[in-house]
Amino acid sequence: MTADAGADSAIELAARRLERSLALLEQRLAQRVAQASAGAGAAFDEDRAQLAQALDRARGRERELEEAGAAASAALADAIAQIKAALTAPEEV
């Protein structure tokens, strides 16, 4: 074996080690990306569920306010009718 052959085999050995290291790095990176994607999906689902609950509560409050507004409107209409009736009623002596 010559010096050149020894140098070539050392370079080949280093190249194989570098290739193995790069392959391992790619695997770990792919695992991290997969973990991050899974975590992001769960966070998105949780945020979506919270937003849906908030929307349901807001819609419930909207219905309550509509009902209160309708009741107030009916009470005002009744009061107006009573005032009109009192103003147009003949005076008793």
Protein backbone atom coordinates (compact mmCIF):
# COMPACT_ATOMS: atom_id res chain seq x y z
CA MET A 1 0.00 0.00 0.00
CA THR A 2 1.36 3.38 -0.97
CA ALA A 3 0.95 6.72 0.69
CA ASP A 4 -1.51 7.78 -1.98
CA ALA A 5 -3.61 4.65 -1.42
CA GLY A 6 -3.62 5.30 2.34
CA ALA A 7 -4.68 8.89 1.80
CA ASP A 8 -7.44 7.79 -0.59
CA SER A 9 -8.78 5.26 1.91
CA ALA A 10 -8.70 7.87 4.70
CA ILE A 11 -10.63 10.27 2.47
CA GLU A 12 -13.12 7.54 1.57
CA LEU A 13 -13.53 6.68 5.24
CA ALA A 14 -14.10 10.32 6.12
CA ALA A 15 -16.57 10.67 3.24
CA ARG A 16 -18.57 7.63 4.47
CA ARG A 17 -18.60 9.01 8.00
CA LEU A 18 -19.81 12.36 6.66
CA GLU A 19 -22.56 10.65 4.64
CA ARG A 20 -23.72 8.68 7.70
CA SER A 21 -23.72 11.85 9.78
CA LEU A 22 -25.75 13.71 7.15
CA ALA A 23 -28.24 10.84 6.91
CA LEU A 24 -28.64 10.83 10.69
CA LEU A 25 -29.08 14.59 10.69
CA GLU A 26 -31.75 14.36 7.98
CA GLN A 27 -33.61 11.68 9.98
CA ARG A 28 -33.58 13.77 13.14
CA LEU A 29 -34.67 16.85 11.24
CA ALA A 30 -37.57 14.94 9.68
CA GLN A 31 -38.60 13.71 13.14
CA ARG A 32 -38.53 17.25 14.53
CA VAL A 33 -40.57 18.57 11.62
CA ALA A 34 -43.12 15.79 12.11
CA GLN A 35 -43.33 16.52 15.85
CA ALA A 36 -43.72 20.24 15.23
CA SER A 37 -46.44 19.62 12.64
CA ALA A 38 -48.35 17.34 15.00
CA GLY A 39 -48.11 19.89 17.80
CA ALA A 40 -49.27 22.70 15.53
CA GLY A 41 -52.29 20.67 14.46
CA ALA A 42 -53.30 20.02 18.05
CA ALA A 43 -52.88 23.69 18.94
CA PHE A 44 -54.98 24.67 15.93
CA ASP A 45 -57.73 22.24 16.94
CA GLU A 46 -57.68 23.59 20.51
CA ASP A 47 -57.88 27.21 19.31
CA ARG A 48 -60.70 26.27 16.95
CA ALA A 49 -62.63 24.60 19.78
CA GLN A 50 -62.19 27.65 22.01
CA LEU A 51 -63.37 29.95 19.22
CA ALA A 52 -66.41 27.75 18.61
CA GLN A 53 -67.31 27.90 22.31
CA ALA A 54 -66.92 31.69 22.34
CA LEU A 55 -69.13 31.94 19.26
CA ASP A 56 -71.81 29.78 20.89
CA ARG A 57 -71.75 31.97 24.00
CA ALA A 58 -71.99 35.14 21.90
CA ARG A 59 -74.94 33.74 19.95
CA GLY A 60 -76.68 32.81 23.20
CA ARG A 61 -76.14 36.33 24.53
CA GLU A 62 -77.44 37.75 21.25
CA ARG A 63 -80.67 35.75 21.63
CA GLU A 64 -81.06 36.96 25.22
CA LEU A 65 -80.60 40.57 24.13
CA GLU A 66 -83.08 40.16 21.28
CA GLU A 67 -85.65 38.73 23.69
CA ALA A 68 -85.05 41.57 26.17
CA GLY A 69 -85.40 44.10 23.35
CA ALA A 70 -88.66 42.52 22.19
CA ALA A 71 -90.01 42.56 25.78
CA ALA A 72 -89.01 46.21 26.21
CA SER A 73 -90.62 47.10 22.89
CA ALA A 74 -93.87 45.34 23.89
CA ALA A 75 -93.86 47.12 27.27
CA LEU A 76 -93.36 50.50 25.58
CA ALA A 77 -96.15 49.78 23.08
CA ASP A 78 -98.46 48.86 25.97
CA ALA A 79 -97.53 52.03 27.86
CA ILE A 80 -98.15 54.15 24.77
CA ALA A 81 -101.54 52.50 24.26
CA GLN A 82 -102.48 53.17 27.90
CA ILE A 83 -101.43 56.81 27.66
CA LYS A 84 -103.39 57.28 24.43
CA ALA A 85 -106.43 55.65 26.01
CA ALA A 86 -106.14 57.91 29.05
CA LEU A 87 -105.83 61.02 26.89
CA THR A 88 -108.79 60.14 24.67
CA ALA A 89 -111.11 58.91 27.44
CA PRO A 90 -114.00 61.22 28.22
CA GLU A 91 -113.58 63.13 31.41
CA GLU A 92 -115.80 62.10 34.24
CA VAL A 93 -117.36 64.83 36.27
